[in-house]
Protein backbone atom coordinates (compact mmCIF):
# COMPACT_ATOMS: atom_id res chain seq x y z
CA MET A 1 13.91 -21.01 -14.27
CA GLY A 2 15.09 -21.34 -17.85
CA LEU A 3 12.34 -19.20 -19.36
CA LEU A 4 12.83 -15.52 -19.87
CA PHE A 5 9.14 -14.76 -19.49
CA GLU A 6 6.10 -16.39 -18.03
CA GLU A 7 2.59 -15.56 -17.50
CA ILE A 8 1.80 -17.34 -13.89
CA ASP A 9 -1.88 -16.01 -13.81
CA CYS A 10 -4.19 -14.30 -15.66
CA GLN A 11 -7.62 -13.67 -14.18
CA PRO A 12 -10.79 -11.40 -15.07
CA SER A 13 -11.55 -8.69 -12.63
CA ARG A 14 -14.31 -5.87 -12.28
CA LEU A 15 -11.18 -3.43 -13.16
CA GLY A 16 -10.16 -5.56 -16.47
CA ASP A 17 -7.79 -8.66 -16.73
CA ILE A 18 -5.12 -8.76 -13.89
CA SER A 19 -1.86 -10.86 -14.67
CA LEU A 20 0.77 -11.78 -12.95
CA ARG A 21 4.19 -12.30 -14.76
CA ARG A 22 7.71 -13.36 -13.85
CA ARG A 23 10.63 -12.74 -16.05
CA ARG A 24 14.47 -12.39 -16.39
CA ILE A 25 16.71 -9.34 -17.91
CA PRO A 26 20.13 -10.94 -18.11
CA ALA A 27 21.64 -7.77 -18.31
CA LEU A 28 20.35 -7.35 -14.69
CA GLY A 29 21.68 -10.83 -13.29
CA ASP A 30 20.25 -14.07 -12.62
CA ARG A 31 17.06 -13.19 -10.74
CA ASP A 32 13.51 -13.51 -11.13
CA ILE A 33 11.03 -10.10 -11.60
CA TYR A 34 7.71 -10.45 -10.87
CA GLU A 35 5.23 -8.16 -12.28
CA VAL A 36 1.65 -7.45 -11.83
CA LYS A 37 -0.47 -5.63 -15.00
CA LEU A 38 -4.10 -4.68 -14.76
CA GLY A 39 -5.18 -4.78 -18.61
CA ASP A 40 -2.16 -3.16 -20.25
CA GLU A 41 -1.25 -1.12 -17.51
CA PHE A 42 1.87 -1.97 -15.13
CA LEU A 43 0.69 -1.98 -11.25
CA MET A 44 3.96 -2.97 -9.87
CA SER A 45 7.33 -4.67 -10.19
CA SER A 46 9.63 -6.57 -7.84
CA LEU A 47 12.36 -4.44 -9.29
CA PHE A 48 11.39 -1.09 -7.82
CA VAL A 49 10.05 -1.85 -4.47
CA GLU A 50 12.24 0.85 -2.17
CA ALA A 51 9.38 3.28 -1.61
CA GLU A 52 6.81 0.80 -0.91
CA LYS A 53 8.90 -0.60 1.74
CA GLU A 54 9.60 3.08 3.02
CA LEU A 55 6.05 3.61 3.38
CA SER A 56 6.06 1.08 6.21
CA ASN A 57 9.27 2.03 7.94
CA LEU A 58 8.77 5.80 7.51
CA GLY A 59 4.85 5.54 8.87
CA LEU A 60 5.57 3.19 11.80
CA ALA A 61 8.70 4.81 12.77
CA ALA A 62 6.84 7.96 13.58
CA LEU A 63 4.89 6.08 16.03
CA ASP A 64 5.21 5.83 19.80
CA GLY A 65 4.18 2.51 22.11
CA ASP A 66 3.62 -0.76 20.65
CA GLN A 67 0.96 -3.49 19.95
CA TRP A 68 0.38 -1.64 16.86
CA LYS A 69 -3.02 -2.29 14.71
CA VAL A 70 -1.95 -1.48 11.32
CA VAL A 71 -3.70 -1.51 8.04
CA VAL A 72 -2.20 -1.77 4.61
CA GLY A 73 -4.46 -0.70 1.72
CA GLY A 74 -3.43 -2.69 -1.17
CA LEU A 75 -1.62 -5.77 -1.23
CA GLY A 76 0.45 -5.52 -4.62
CA LEU A 77 3.30 -8.04 -4.30
CA GLY A 78 3.34 -7.64 -0.39
CA TYR A 79 6.45 -5.56 -0.05
CA THR A 80 5.03 -2.90 2.09
CA ALA A 81 2.91 -5.54 4.08
CA VAL A 82 6.18 -7.60 4.64
CA GLU A 83 8.17 -4.64 5.65
CA ALA A 84 5.56 -3.83 8.29
CA LEU A 85 5.68 -7.19 9.79
CA HIS A 86 9.41 -6.81 9.81
CA ASN A 87 8.84 -4.41 12.75
CA ASP A 88 8.28 -6.44 15.94
CA ARG A 89 5.87 -3.58 17.58
CA VAL A 90 3.45 -4.40 15.09
CA GLY A 91 0.80 -6.64 16.81
CA GLU A 92 -1.77 -6.88 14.27
CA LEU A 93 -1.75 -6.15 10.37
CA LEU A 94 -4.75 -6.26 8.20
CA VAL A 95 -4.15 -6.00 4.27
CA VAL A 96 -7.03 -4.78 2.69
CA GLU A 97 -7.58 -6.01 -1.30
CA ALA A 98 -10.10 -5.20 -3.20
CA LEU A 99 -9.02 -8.18 -6.03
CA ASP A 100 -9.49 -11.78 -4.41
CA THR A 101 -7.26 -12.77 -7.14
CA VAL A 102 -4.08 -10.80 -5.47
CA ILE A 103 -5.30 -12.42 -2.39
CA HIS A 104 -5.27 -15.64 -3.85
CA TRP A 105 -1.98 -15.27 -5.54
CA HIS A 106 -0.41 -14.95 -1.95
CA GLN A 107 -2.43 -17.66 -0.16
CA GLN A 108 -1.36 -20.11 -2.92
CA GLU A 109 2.29 -18.29 -2.82
CA LYS A 110 2.43 -17.98 -6.16
CA VAL A 111 4.70 -14.75 -5.39
CA PRO A 112 7.84 -14.71 -3.60
CA LEU A 113 6.72 -13.12 -0.43
CA GLY A 114 3.36 -15.22 0.07
CA ALA A 115 4.83 -17.63 2.33
CA GLU A 116 6.07 -15.13 4.46
CA LEU A 117 2.89 -13.51 5.00
CA ASN A 118 0.94 -16.56 5.35
CA ARG A 119 3.42 -18.12 8.06
CA ASP A 120 3.04 -14.66 10.35
CA GLU A 121 0.14 -15.20 12.92
CA ARG A 122 -0.04 -11.19 13.11
CA CYS A 123 -1.40 -10.98 9.36
CA ARG A 124 -4.91 -10.95 7.99
CA TYR A 125 -6.00 -10.24 4.57
CA VAL A 126 -9.48 -8.55 4.31
CA HIS A 127 -11.02 -8.81 1.10
CA GLY A 128 -12.90 -5.37 0.20
CA SER A 129 -12.46 -2.20 -1.12
CA PHE A 130 -10.10 0.15 1.15
CA PHE A 131 -11.89 3.26 -0.38
CA ASP A 132 -15.53 1.79 0.91
CA LEU A 133 -14.06 0.82 4.36
CA ALA A 134 -12.22 3.86 4.87
CA VAL A 135 -15.31 5.90 5.14
CA SER A 136 -17.47 3.36 6.59
CA GLU A 137 -18.64 3.69 10.51
CA ALA A 138 -17.60 0.12 10.65
CA GLY A 139 -13.96 0.77 9.33
CA PHE A 140 -11.54 -1.98 8.18
CA ASP A 141 -11.67 -4.89 10.27
CA PRO A 142 -14.72 -7.15 9.84
CA ASP A 143 -14.07 -8.80 13.24
CA HIS A 144 -13.98 -5.96 15.16
CA PRO A 145 -16.21 -3.14 13.87
CA GLY A 146 -15.00 0.54 14.74
CA SER A 147 -11.78 -0.66 16.04
CA GLN A 148 -8.91 2.07 16.42
CA LEU A 149 -5.84 1.74 14.47
CA ASP A 150 -2.58 3.03 14.89
CA ALA A 151 -1.50 3.32 11.31
CA ILE A 152 -3.06 3.38 7.75
CA LEU A 153 -0.56 2.74 4.93
CA LEU A 154 -2.21 3.25 1.57
CA ASP A 155 -0.47 1.74 -1.52
CA ILE A 156 -3.20 1.50 -4.63
CA ASP A 157 -3.46 4.34 -6.97
CA HIS A 158 -0.33 5.82 -8.89
CA SER A 159 -0.87 9.12 -7.31
CA PRO A 160 -3.75 11.18 -5.67
CA ARG A 161 -4.28 12.33 -9.40
CA ALA A 162 -3.17 9.24 -11.05
CA LEU A 163 -5.99 6.85 -10.29
CA LEU A 164 -6.64 3.16 -11.23
CA ASN A 165 -10.25 3.92 -11.17
CA ASP A 166 -12.05 7.57 -11.40
CA SER A 167 -14.27 6.29 -8.75
CA ASN A 168 -11.44 6.52 -6.17
CA ALA A 169 -11.12 10.06 -6.84
CA SER A 170 -13.81 10.99 -3.98
CA PHE A 171 -11.15 9.63 -1.42
CA TYR A 172 -8.50 12.31 -1.99
CA THR A 173 -10.97 14.59 -0.56
CA HIS A 174 -11.26 16.70 2.95
CA ASP A 175 -14.62 14.74 3.93
CA SER A 176 -13.31 11.27 2.82
CA LEU A 177 -10.22 11.60 4.53
CA GLN A 178 -11.90 13.15 7.61
CA LYS A 179 -13.87 10.15 7.81
CA MET A 180 -10.74 7.65 7.25
CA ALA A 181 -9.02 9.59 10.18
CA SER A 182 -11.74 8.57 12.81
CA HIS A 183 -10.57 5.04 12.43
CA LEU A 184 -6.94 6.27 13.70
CA ARG A 185 -6.18 6.62 17.42
CA THR A 186 -4.58 9.98 18.71
CA GLY A 187 -1.21 9.94 17.61
CA GLY A 188 -1.59 7.70 14.71
CA ILE A 189 -0.12 7.70 11.35
CA PHE A 190 -1.73 7.97 7.65
CA GLY A 191 1.00 7.27 5.02
CA LEU A 192 0.29 7.23 1.44
CA TRP A 193 2.65 6.10 -1.70
CA SER A 194 2.74 8.15 -4.95
CA ASN A 195 4.37 7.75 -8.18
CA GLU A 196 4.46 11.24 -8.42
CA PRO A 197 6.31 14.57 -7.03
CA PRO A 198 4.58 16.19 -3.69
CA ASP A 199 1.45 17.36 -5.09
CA LYS A 200 0.76 20.88 -3.09
CA GLU A 201 -2.85 20.79 -3.45
CA PHE A 202 -3.10 17.46 -1.76
CA MET A 203 -0.67 18.74 1.08
CA GLY A 204 -2.95 21.44 1.80
CA ILE A 205 -5.85 19.05 2.26
CA LEU A 206 -3.69 16.82 4.72
CA ARG A 207 -2.60 20.05 6.53
CA ALA A 208 -6.20 21.14 7.18
CA LEU A 209 -6.96 17.65 8.86
CA PHE A 210 -3.49 16.54 10.11
CA THR A 211 -0.34 17.61 11.88
CA ASP A 212 3.13 16.84 11.31
CA VAL A 213 2.32 16.64 7.59
CA GLU A 214 5.27 15.75 5.26
CA ALA A 215 6.27 14.50 1.99
CA GLN A 216 9.74 12.50 1.46
CA GLU A 217 10.90 11.88 -1.96
CA ILE A 218 12.58 8.26 -2.04
CA ALA A 219 15.12 7.96 -4.58
CA PHE A 220 15.99 4.41 -6.44
CA TYR A 221 17.92 3.41 -9.24
CA ASN A 222 16.17 3.04 -12.65
CA PRO A 223 18.28 0.57 -14.86
CA PHE A 224 16.25 0.93 -17.82
CA GLN A 225 16.53 4.42 -17.75
CA ASN A 226 20.22 4.43 -16.40
CA ARG A 227 19.29 7.21 -13.59
CA GLU A 228 17.83 7.53 -10.62
CA ALA A 229 14.10 8.10 -9.97
CA TYR A 230 11.88 9.24 -7.35
CA ASN A 231 8.62 8.17 -5.51
CA THR A 232 6.93 10.03 -2.75
CA VAL A 233 5.84 8.98 0.77
CA TYR A 234 3.39 11.24 2.37
CA LEU A 235 2.97 11.07 6.03
CA ALA A 236 0.47 12.76 8.45
CA ARG A 237 -0.38 12.18 12.19
CA LYS A 238 -3.82 12.73 13.64
CA THR A 239 -3.75 14.68 17.16
CA ALA A 240 -6.01 15.69 19.26
CA GLY A 241 -8.36 18.23 17.84
CA SER A 242 -6.88 17.39 14.25
CA ALA A 243 -9.35 15.43 11.66
CA HIS A 244 -12.12 16.78 13.14
């Protein structure tokens, strides 16, 4: 691509205009960088994906057995979902995304990882609100209502406090997380990506509902700031007697 910048698509959504862009930064080498913006806010860049990948790696590493049924909340540029599919013990992956435009980008392979998701028969897109499905009795799978999951991996908001939509705040509460946990099997894992340092208050809510609760800080290099930066991955396990 000769252009240093291209807007691939821009569509209206209930949250504002969402756009997919591709750019090259000569100082960072000869590669395309994909970005998703919601209005004027950056949602994701393919330049910073280490923690998104680790959300899958760490969450699935904590599971036993195989043929796992996994939900990824938030499609983004597909990095968390594709990393989950790299684990051959995943039997089924549901990617829940509220914005149909983002799903279409992947189905139409306007983003680099779309083809990999589309050709993997284990992967299925679910168009809907993760937050609504999480607290519903039917759960996340429209084809198999009430089915139990091995892992729920969430990457939508910037953190439990920095929200894309104010209405999401109700999810990060004891009652909503308890309802979400009802969709996990015993031993199942809830994982959450955050752009901020570990939140003690949120950790307290998780500890009241789950066991083996931890927050791991994931380091990555930020070339714009010429320093190491950090994201956080929260992990929590549902055990017999927890999340009740």
